[in-house]
PDB file of all heavy atoms in Angstrom:
ATOM      1  N   PRO A   1       0.781  -1.239  -0.008  1.00  0.00           N
ATOM      2  CA  PRO A   1       0.009   0.006  -0.018  1.00  0.00           C
ATOM      3  C   PRO A   1       0.829   1.291   0.010  1.00  0.00           C
ATOM      4  O   PRO A   1       0.265   2.377  -0.252  1.00  0.00           O
ATOM      5  CB  PRO A   1      -0.812  -0.100   1.286  1.00  0.00           C
ATOM      6  CG  PRO A   1       0.047  -0.944   2.200  1.00  0.00           C
ATOM      7  CD  PRO A   1       0.713  -1.936   1.313  1.00  0.00           C
ATOM      8  N   GLY A   2       2.141   1.234   0.288  1.00  0.00           N
ATOM      9  CA  GLY A   2       2.944   2.424   0.352  1.00  0.00           C
ATOM     10  C   GLY A   2       3.056   3.158  -0.993  1.00  0.00           C
ATOM     11  O   GLY A   2       3.030   2.538  -2.037  1.00  0.00           O
ATOM     12  N   TYR A   3       3.182   4.460  -0.926  1.00  0.00           N
ATOM     13  CA  TYR A   3       3.224   5.287  -2.133  1.00  0.00           C
ATOM     14  C   TYR A   3       4.303   4.858  -3.099  1.00  0.00           C
ATOM     15  O   TYR A   3       4.057   4.695  -4.309  1.00  0.00           O
ATOM     16  CB  TYR A   3       3.424   6.779  -1.769  1.00  0.00           C
ATOM     17  CG  TYR A   3       3.698   7.659  -2.980  1.00  0.00           C
ATOM     18  CD1 TYR A   3       2.665   8.118  -3.754  1.00  0.00           C
ATOM     19  CD2 TYR A   3       5.016   7.961  -3.353  1.00  0.00           C
ATOM     20  CE1 TYR A   3       2.896   8.931  -4.892  1.00  0.00           C
ATOM     21  CE2 TYR A   3       5.248   8.748  -4.474  1.00  0.00           C
ATOM     22  CZ  TYR A   3       4.205   9.215  -5.251  1.00  0.00           C
ATOM     23  OH  TYR A   3       4.451   9.993  -6.361  1.00  0.00           O
ATOM     24  N   TRP A   4       5.531   4.631  -2.617  1.00  0.00           N
ATOM     25  CA  TRP A   4       6.645   4.386  -3.527  1.00  0.00           C
ATOM     26  C   TRP A   4       6.538   3.023  -4.168  1.00  0.00           C
ATOM     27  O   TRP A   4       6.913   2.870  -5.332  1.00  0.00           O
ATOM     28  CB  TRP A   4       7.971   4.549  -2.746  1.00  0.00           C
ATOM     29  CG  TRP A   4       8.156   5.973  -2.368  1.00  0.00           C
ATOM     30  CD1 TRP A   4       7.934   6.537  -1.152  1.00  0.00           C
ATOM     31  CD2 TRP A   4       8.601   7.056  -3.209  1.00  0.00           C
ATOM     32  NE1 TRP A   4       8.184   7.885  -1.182  1.00  0.00           N
ATOM     33  CE2 TRP A   4       8.607   8.225  -2.430  1.00  0.00           C
ATOM     34  CE3 TRP A   4       8.980   7.096  -4.568  1.00  0.00           C
ATOM     35  CZ2 TRP A   4       8.973   9.447  -2.994  1.00  0.00           C
ATOM     36  CZ3 TRP A   4       9.363   8.325  -5.083  1.00  0.00           C
ATOM     37  CH2 TRP A   4       9.352   9.492  -4.310  1.00  0.00           C
ATOM     38  N   GLY A   5       6.042   2.027  -3.447  1.00  0.00           N
ATOM     39  CA  GLY A   5       5.784   0.749  -4.039  1.00  0.00           C
ATOM     40  C   GLY A   5       4.724   0.806  -5.101  1.00  0.00           C
ATOM     41  O   GLY A   5       4.819   0.237  -6.192  1.00  0.00           O
ATOM     42  N   GLN A   6       3.620   1.513  -4.789  1.00  0.00           N
ATOM     43  CA  GLN A   6       2.548   1.671  -5.772  1.00  0.00           C
ATOM     44  C   GLN A   6       3.049   2.405  -6.999  1.00  0.00           C
ATOM     45  O   GLN A   6       2.667   2.105  -8.147  1.00  0.00           O
ATOM     46  CB  GLN A   6       1.398   2.436  -5.114  1.00  0.00           C
ATOM     47  CG  GLN A   6       0.617   1.667  -4.069  1.00  0.00           C
ATOM     48  CD  GLN A   6      -0.244   0.589  -4.700  1.00  0.00           C
ATOM     49  OE1 GLN A   6      -0.865   0.799  -5.754  1.00  0.00           O
ATOM     50  NE2 GLN A   6      -0.232  -0.595  -4.099  1.00  0.00           N
ATOM     51  N   ALA A   7       3.900   3.412  -6.779  1.00  0.00           N
ATOM     52  CA  ALA A   7       4.428   4.188  -7.908  1.00  0.00           C
ATOM     53  C   ALA A   7       5.358   3.325  -8.786  1.00  0.00           C
ATOM     54  O   ALA A   7       5.306   3.391 -10.021  1.00  0.00           O
ATOM     55  CB  ALA A   7       5.175   5.403  -7.407  1.00  0.00           C
ATOM     56  N   LEU A   8       6.191   2.515  -8.167  1.00  0.00           N
ATOM     57  CA  LEU A   8       7.062   1.610  -8.912  1.00  0.00           C
ATOM     58  C   LEU A   8       6.234   0.653  -9.763  1.00  0.00           C
ATOM     59  O   LEU A   8       6.524   0.422 -10.945  1.00  0.00           O
ATOM     60  CB  LEU A   8       7.946   0.811  -7.946  1.00  0.00           C
ATOM     61  CG  LEU A   8       9.195   1.508  -7.400  1.00  0.00           C
ATOM     62  CD1 LEU A   8       9.774   0.734  -6.243  1.00  0.00           C
ATOM     63  CD2 LEU A   8      10.257   1.681  -8.521  1.00  0.00           C
ATOM     64  N   ALA A   9       5.191   0.064  -9.147  1.00  0.00           N
ATOM     65  CA  ALA A   9       4.334  -0.861  -9.869  1.00  0.00           C
ATOM     66  C   ALA A   9       3.626  -0.186 -11.054  1.00  0.00           C
ATOM     67  O   ALA A   9       3.523  -0.699 -12.173  1.00  0.00           O
ATOM     68  CB  ALA A   9       3.306  -1.469  -8.948  1.00  0.00           C
ATOM     69  N   HIS A  10       3.149   1.081 -10.807  1.00  0.00           N
ATOM     70  CA  HIS A  10       2.502   1.842 -11.861  1.00  0.00           C
ATOM     71  C   HIS A  10       3.474   2.062 -13.002  1.00  0.00           C
ATOM     72  O   HIS A  10       3.127   1.923 -14.176  1.00  0.00           O
ATOM     73  CB  HIS A  10       1.987   3.176 -11.301  1.00  0.00           C
ATOM     74  CG  HIS A  10       1.520   4.108 -12.344  1.00  0.00           C
ATOM     75  ND1 HIS A  10       0.264   3.992 -12.918  1.00  0.00           N
ATOM     76  CD2 HIS A  10       2.137   5.222 -12.916  1.00  0.00           C
ATOM     77  CE1 HIS A  10       0.122   4.988 -13.822  1.00  0.00           C
ATOM     78  NE2 HIS A  10       1.230   5.696 -13.830  1.00  0.00           N
ATOM     79  N   HIS A  11       4.715   2.449 -12.666  1.00  0.00           N
ATOM     80  CA  HIS A  11       5.731   2.698 -13.701  1.00  0.00           C
ATOM     81  C   HIS A  11       6.028   1.445 -14.499  1.00  0.00           C
ATOM     82  O   HIS A  11       6.098   1.464 -15.731  1.00  0.00           O
ATOM     83  CB  HIS A  11       6.990   3.257 -13.041  1.00  0.00           C
ATOM     84  CG  HIS A  11       8.037   3.717 -14.015  1.00  0.00           C
ATOM     85  ND1 HIS A  11       9.285   4.104 -13.653  1.00  0.00           N
ATOM     86  CD2 HIS A  11       7.994   3.858 -15.370  1.00  0.00           C
ATOM     87  CE1 HIS A  11       9.989   4.468 -14.711  1.00  0.00           C
ATOM     88  NE2 HIS A  11       9.223   4.307 -15.753  1.00  0.00           N
ATOM     89  N   HIS A  12       6.162   0.336 -13.799  1.00  0.00           N
ATOM     90  CA  HIS A  12       6.465  -0.945 -14.494  1.00  0.00           C
ATOM     91  C   HIS A  12       5.323  -1.336 -15.415  1.00  0.00           C
ATOM     92  O   HIS A  12       5.575  -1.874 -16.497  1.00  0.00           O
ATOM     93  CB  HIS A  12       6.702  -2.045 -13.451  1.00  0.00           C
ATOM     94  CG  HIS A  12       8.077  -2.029 -12.869  1.00  0.00           C
ATOM     95  ND1 HIS A  12       8.897  -3.150 -12.798  1.00  0.00           N
ATOM     96  CD2 HIS A  12       8.826  -1.038 -12.318  1.00  0.00           C
ATOM     97  CE1 HIS A  12      10.041  -2.840 -12.251  1.00  0.00           C
ATOM     98  NE2 HIS A  12      10.018  -1.574 -11.934  1.00  0.00           N
ATOM     99  N   ARG A  13       4.107  -1.088 -15.010  1.00  0.00           N
ATOM    100  CA  ARG A  13       2.947  -1.506 -15.809  1.00  0.00           C
ATOM    101  C   ARG A  13       2.730  -0.617 -17.008  1.00  0.00           C
ATOM    102  O   ARG A  13       2.249  -1.078 -18.044  1.00  0.00           O
ATOM    103  CB  ARG A  13       1.687  -1.530 -14.948  1.00  0.00           C
ATOM    104  CG  ARG A  13       1.610  -2.635 -13.924  1.00  0.00           C
ATOM    105  CD  ARG A  13       0.211  -2.783 -13.373  1.00  0.00           C
ATOM    106  NE  ARG A  13      -0.237  -1.570 -12.710  1.00  0.00           N
ATOM    107  CZ  ARG A  13      -0.173  -1.389 -11.389  1.00  0.00           C
ATOM    108  NH1 ARG A  13       0.373  -2.338 -10.619  1.00  0.00           N
ATOM    109  NH2 ARG A  13      -0.623  -0.292 -10.828  1.00  0.00           N
ATOM    110  N   THR A  14       3.159   0.638 -16.931  1.00  0.00           N
ATOM    111  CA  THR A  14       2.863   1.600 -18.012  1.00  0.00           C
ATOM    112  C   THR A  14       4.090   2.007 -18.823  1.00  0.00           C
ATOM    113  O   THR A  14       3.937   2.596 -19.868  1.00  0.00           O
ATOM    114  CB  THR A  14       2.198   2.897 -17.440  1.00  0.00           C
ATOM    115  OG1 THR A  14       3.085   3.490 -16.479  1.00  0.00           O
ATOM    116  CG2 THR A  14       0.898   2.553 -16.741  1.00  0.00           C
ATOM    117  N   GLY A  15       5.280   1.711 -18.312  1.00  0.00           N
ATOM    118  CA  GLY A  15       6.500   2.134 -19.013  1.00  0.00           C
ATOM    119  C   GLY A  15       6.857   1.243 -20.179  1.00  0.00           C
ATOM    120  O   GLY A  15       6.414   0.088 -20.260  1.00  0.00           O
ATOM    121  N   ARG A  16       7.650   1.767 -21.075  1.00  0.00           N
ATOM    122  CA  ARG A  16       8.070   1.005 -22.252  1.00  0.00           C
ATOM    123  C   ARG A  16       8.989  -0.150 -21.866  1.00  0.00           C
ATOM    124  O   ARG A  16       9.125  -1.121 -22.630  1.00  0.00           O
ATOM    125  CB  ARG A  16       8.766   1.922 -23.234  1.00  0.00           C
ATOM    126  CG  ARG A  16       7.815   2.879 -23.945  1.00  0.00           C
ATOM    127  CD  ARG A  16       8.541   3.771 -24.927  1.00  0.00           C
ATOM    128  NE  ARG A  16       7.579   4.582 -25.711  1.00  0.00           N
ATOM    129  CZ  ARG A  16       7.921   5.530 -26.532  1.00  0.00           C
ATOM    130  NH1 ARG A  16       9.218   5.828 -26.706  1.00  0.00           N
ATOM    131  NH2 ARG A  16       7.015   6.210 -27.255  1.00  0.00           N
ATOM    132  N   SER A  17       9.660  -0.035 -20.742  1.00  0.00           N
ATOM    133  CA  SER A  17      10.635  -1.060 -20.347  1.00  0.00           C
ATOM    134  C   SER A  17      10.007  -2.411 -20.093  1.00  0.00           C
ATOM    135  O   SER A  17      10.683  -3.438 -20.070  1.00  0.00           O
ATOM    136  CB  SER A  17      11.408  -0.603 -19.113  1.00  0.00           C
ATOM    137  OG  SER A  17      10.544  -0.407 -18.021  1.00  0.00           O
ATOM    138  N   ARG A  18       8.682  -2.420 -19.933  1.00  0.00           N
ATOM    139  CA  ARG A  18       8.021  -3.735 -19.702  1.00  0.00           C
ATOM    140  C   ARG A  18       8.173  -4.661 -20.914  1.00  0.00           C
ATOM    141  O   ARG A  18       8.007  -5.877 -20.829  1.00  0.00           O
ATOM    142  CB  ARG A  18       6.565  -3.574 -19.313  1.00  0.00           C
ATOM    143  CG  ARG A  18       5.646  -3.059 -20.431  1.00  0.00           C
ATOM    144  CD  ARG A  18       4.206  -3.054 -20.013  1.00  0.00           C
ATOM    145  NE  ARG A  18       3.724  -4.421 -19.802  1.00  0.00           N
ATOM    146  CZ  ARG A  18       2.820  -4.791 -18.924  1.00  0.00           C
ATOM    147  NH1 ARG A  18       2.292  -3.906 -18.090  1.00  0.00           N
ATOM    148  NH2 ARG A  18       2.409  -6.043 -18.823  1.00  0.00           N
ATOM    149  N   ASN A  19       8.477  -4.090 -22.048  1.00  0.00           N
ATOM    150  CA  ASN A  19       8.648  -4.887 -23.302  1.00  0.00           C
ATOM    151  C   ASN A  19      10.129  -5.086 -23.622  1.00  0.00           C
ATOM    152  O   ASN A  19      10.438  -5.536 -24.726  1.00  0.00           O
ATOM    153  CB  ASN A  19       7.935  -4.165 -24.483  1.00  0.00           C
ATOM    154  CG  ASN A  19       6.427  -4.090 -24.254  1.00  0.00           C
ATOM    155  OD1 ASN A  19       5.819  -5.098 -23.861  1.00  0.00           O
ATOM    156  ND2 ASN A  19       5.835  -2.941 -24.502  1.00  0.00           N
ATOM    157  N   TRP A  20      11.020  -4.686 -22.741  1.00  0.00           N
ATOM    158  CA  TRP A  20      12.453  -4.902 -22.954  1.00  0.00           C
ATOM    159  C   TRP A  20      12.887  -6.232 -22.354  1.00  0.00           C
ATOM    160  O   TRP A  20      12.620  -6.504 -21.189  1.00  0.00           O
ATOM    161  CB  TRP A  20      13.274  -3.769 -22.337  1.00  0.00           C
ATOM    162  CG  TRP A  20      13.013  -2.413 -22.934  1.00  0.00           C
ATOM    163  CD1 TRP A  20      12.254  -2.150 -24.059  1.00  0.00           C
ATOM    164  CD2 TRP A  20      13.482  -1.147 -22.430  1.00  0.00           C
ATOM    165  NE1 TRP A  20      12.264  -0.795 -24.290  1.00  0.00           N
ATOM    166  CE2 TRP A  20      12.989  -0.152 -23.349  1.00  0.00           C
ATOM    167  CE3 TRP A  20      14.251  -0.768 -21.368  1.00  0.00           C
ATOM    168  CZ2 TRP A  20      13.260   1.184 -23.173  1.00  0.00           C
ATOM    169  CZ3 TRP A  20      14.552   0.576 -21.203  1.00  0.00           C
ATOM    170  CH2 TRP A  20      14.042   1.539 -22.115  1.00  0.00           C
ATOM    171  N   PHE A  21      13.573  -6.981 -23.155  1.00  0.00           N
ATOM    172  CA  PHE A  21      14.076  -8.283 -22.699  1.00  0.00           C
ATOM    173  C   PHE A  21      15.023  -8.124 -21.508  1.00  0.00           C
ATOM    174  O   PHE A  21      15.865  -7.246 -21.490  1.00  0.00           O
ATOM    175  CB  PHE A  21      14.806  -8.958 -23.841  1.00  0.00           C
ATOM    176  CG  PHE A  21      15.546 -10.223 -23.436  1.00  0.00           C
ATOM    177  CD1 PHE A  21      14.851 -11.421 -23.222  1.00  0.00           C
ATOM    178  CD2 PHE A  21      16.923 -10.199 -23.227  1.00  0.00           C
ATOM    179  CE1 PHE A  21      15.547 -12.580 -22.872  1.00  0.00           C
ATOM    180  CE2 PHE A  21      17.580 -11.345 -22.839  1.00  0.00           C
ATOM    181  CZ  PHE A  21      16.918 -12.526 -22.642  1.00  0.00           C
ATOM    182  N   GLY A  22      14.827  -8.951 -20.488  1.00  0.00           N
ATOM    183  CA  GLY A  22      15.673  -8.931 -19.297  1.00  0.00           C
ATOM    184  C   GLY A  22      15.849 -10.327 -18.777  1.00  0.00           C
ATOM    185  O   GLY A  22      15.667 -11.319 -19.479  1.00  0.00           O
ATOM    186  N   LEU A  23      16.175 -10.427 -17.486  1.00  0.00           N
ATOM    187  CA  LEU A  23      16.568 -11.734 -16.945  1.00  0.00           C
ATOM    188  C   LEU A  23      15.776 -12.168 -15.705  1.00  0.00           C
ATOM    189  O   LEU A  23      16.156 -13.144 -15.071  1.00  0.00           O
ATOM    190  CB  LEU A  23      18.046 -11.681 -16.573  1.00  0.00           C
ATOM    191  CG  LEU A  23      19.011 -11.361 -17.718  1.00  0.00           C
ATOM    192  CD1 LEU A  23      20.423 -11.143 -17.190  1.00  0.00           C
ATOM    193  CD2 LEU A  23      19.008 -12.486 -18.749  1.00  0.00           C
ATOM    194  N   VAL A  24      14.693 -11.485 -15.385  1.00  0.00           N
ATOM    195  CA  VAL A  24      14.002 -11.763 -14.140  1.00  0.00           C
ATOM    196  C   VAL A  24      13.193 -13.073 -14.213  1.00  0.00           C
ATOM    197  O   VAL A  24      12.863 -13.677 -13.183  1.00  0.00           O
ATOM    198  CB  VAL A  24      13.124 -10.612 -13.700  1.00  0.00           C
ATOM    199  CG1 VAL A  24      13.943  -9.387 -13.361  1.00  0.00           C
ATOM    200  CG2 VAL A  24      12.097 -10.267 -14.761  1.00  0.00           C
ATOM    201  N   SER A  25      12.824 -13.496 -15.422  1.00  0.00           N
ATOM    202  CA  SER A  25      11.981 -14.687 -15.571  1.00  0.00           C
ATOM    203  C   SER A  25      12.174 -15.251 -16.978  1.00  0.00           C
ATOM    204  O   SER A  25      11.260 -15.281 -17.777  1.00  0.00           O
ATOM    205  CB  SER A  25      10.487 -14.346 -15.332  1.00  0.00           C
ATOM    206  OG  SER A  25      10.113 -13.244 -16.167  1.00  0.00           O
ATOM    207  N   THR A  26      13.419 -15.684 -17.229  1.00  0.00           N
ATOM    208  CA  THR A  26      13.820 -15.909 -18.587  1.00  0.00           C
ATOM    209  C   THR A  26      14.360 -17.346 -18.801  1.00  0.00           C
ATOM    210  O   THR A  26      15.169 -17.821 -18.042  1.00  0.00           O
ATOM    211  CB  THR A  26      14.966 -14.913 -18.960  1.00  0.00           C
ATOM    212  OG1 THR A  26      14.433 -13.611 -18.845  1.00  0.00           O
ATOM    213  CG2 THR A  26      15.470 -15.151 -20.369  1.00  0.00           C
ATOM    214  N   VAL A  27      13.877 -17.998 -19.872  1.00  0.00           N
ATOM    215  CA  VAL A  27      14.348 -19.317 -20.239  1.00  0.00           C
ATOM    216  C   VAL A  27      15.344 -19.185 -21.391  1.00  0.00           C
ATOM    217  O   VAL A  27      15.146 -18.403 -22.317  1.00  0.00           O
ATOM    218  CB  VAL A  27      13.188 -20.255 -20.615  1.00  0.00           C
ATOM    219  CG1 VAL A  27      12.478 -19.811 -21.875  1.00  0.00           C
ATOM    220  CG2 VAL A  27      13.686 -21.682 -20.749  1.00  0.00           C
ATOM    221  N   ILE A  28      16.455 -19.935 -21.279  1.00  0.00           N
ATOM    222  CA  ILE A  28      17.542 -19.836 -22.263  1.00  0.00           C
ATOM    223  C   ILE A  28      18.287 -21.178 -22.272  1.00  0.00           C
ATOM    224  O   ILE A  28      18.351 -21.871 -21.255  1.00  0.00           O
ATOM    225  CB  ILE A  28      18.477 -18.648 -21.912  1.00  0.00           C
ATOM    226  CG1 ILE A  28      19.564 -18.497 -22.970  1.00  0.00           C
ATOM    227  CG2 ILE A  28      19.112 -18.852 -20.516  1.00  0.00           C
ATOM    228  CD1 ILE A  28      20.378 -17.214 -22.816  1.00  0.00           C
ATOM    229  N   ASP A  29      18.863 -21.498 -23.406  1.00  0.00           N
ATOM    230  CA  ASP A  29      19.661 -22.687 -23.536  1.00  0.00           C
ATOM    231  C   ASP A  29      20.919 -22.558 -22.646  1.00  0.00           C
ATOM    232  O   ASP A  29      21.564 -21.529 -22.628  1.00  0.00           O
ATOM    233  CB  ASP A  29      20.116 -22.863 -25.007  1.00  0.00           C
ATOM    234  CG  ASP A  29      20.962 -24.112 -25.232  1.00  0.00           C
ATOM    235  OD1 ASP A  29      22.201 -23.968 -25.049  1.00  0.00           O
ATOM    236  OD2 ASP A  29      20.394 -25.155 -25.549  1.00  0.00           O
ATOM    237  N   ARG A  30      21.176 -23.601 -21.864  1.00  0.00           N
ATOM    238  CA  ARG A  30      22.271 -23.549 -20.867  1.00  0.00           C
ATOM    239  C   ARG A  30      23.599 -23.261 -21.533  1.00  0.00           C
ATOM    240  O   ARG A  30      24.375 -22.389 -21.088  1.00  0.00           O
ATOM    241  CB  ARG A  30      22.345 -24.870 -20.114  1.00  0.00           C
ATOM    242  CG  ARG A  30      23.505 -24.961 -19.137  1.00  0.00           C
ATOM    243  CD  ARG A  30      23.576 -26.356 -18.501  1.00  0.00           C
ATOM    244  NE  ARG A  30      24.686 -26.438 -17.580  1.00  0.00           N
ATOM    245  CZ  ARG A  30      25.946 -26.722 -17.910  1.00  0.00           C
ATOM    246  NH1 ARG A  30      26.241 -26.957 -19.167  1.00  0.00           N
ATOM    247  NH2 ARG A  30      26.898 -26.774 -16.990  1.00  0.00           N
ATOM    248  N   LYS A  31      23.929 -23.976 -22.600  1.00  0.00           N
ATOM    249  CA  LYS A  31      25.211 -23.776 -23.248  1.00  0.00           C
ATOM    250  C   LYS A  31      25.340 -22.391 -23.829  1.00  0.00           C
ATOM    251  O   LYS A  31      26.391 -21.732 -23.728  1.00  0.00           O
ATOM    252  CB  LYS A  31      25.404 -24.815 -24.375  1.00  0.00           C
ATOM    253  CG  LYS A  31      26.763 -24.745 -25.017  1.00  0.00           C
ATOM    254  CD  LYS A  31      26.937 -25.818 -26.092  1.00  0.00           C
ATOM    255  CE  LYS A  31      28.364 -25.767 -26.700  1.00  0.00           C
ATOM    256  NZ  LYS A  31      28.682 -24.469 -27.300  1.00  0.00           N
ATOM    257  N   LEU A  32      24.267 -21.888 -24.441  1.00  0.00           N
ATOM    258  CA  LEU A  32      24.275 -20.538 -24.974  1.00  0.00           C
ATOM    259  C   LEU A  32      24.527 -19.501 -23.865  1.00  0.00           C
ATOM    260  O   LEU A  32      25.349 -18.581 -24.026  1.00  0.00           O
ATOM    261  CB  LEU A  32      22.947 -20.228 -25.675  1.00  0.00           C
ATOM    262  CG  LEU A  32      22.803 -18.790 -26.188  1.00  0.00           C
ATOM    263  CD1 LEU A  32      23.837 -18.473 -27.266  1.00  0.00           C
ATOM    264  CD2 LEU A  32      21.389 -18.574 -26.732  1.00  0.00           C
ATOM    265  N   MET A  33      23.927 -19.680 -22.748  1.00  0.00           N
ATOM    266  CA  MET A  33      24.061 -18.744 -21.635  1.00  0.00           C
ATOM    267  C   MET A  33      25.517 -18.711 -21.163  1.00  0.00           C
ATOM    268  O   MET A  33      26.102 -17.668 -20.893  1.00  0.00           O
ATOM    269  CB  MET A  33      23.150 -19.114 -20.455  1.00  0.00           C
ATOM    270  CG  MET A  33      23.168 -18.153 -19.283  1.00  0.00           C
ATOM    271  SD  MET A  33      22.428 -16.537 -19.629  1.00  0.00           S
ATOM    272  CE  MET A  33      23.907 -15.521 -19.858  1.00  0.00           C
TER     273      MET A  33
END
């Protein structure tokens, strides 16, 4: 419920970075990695 957490979530949901590939939940070939 805190303001800064709510703001972070809002930014993540509406920002363009949500469509940028990252590593938080990513499947990849072991050898390639």
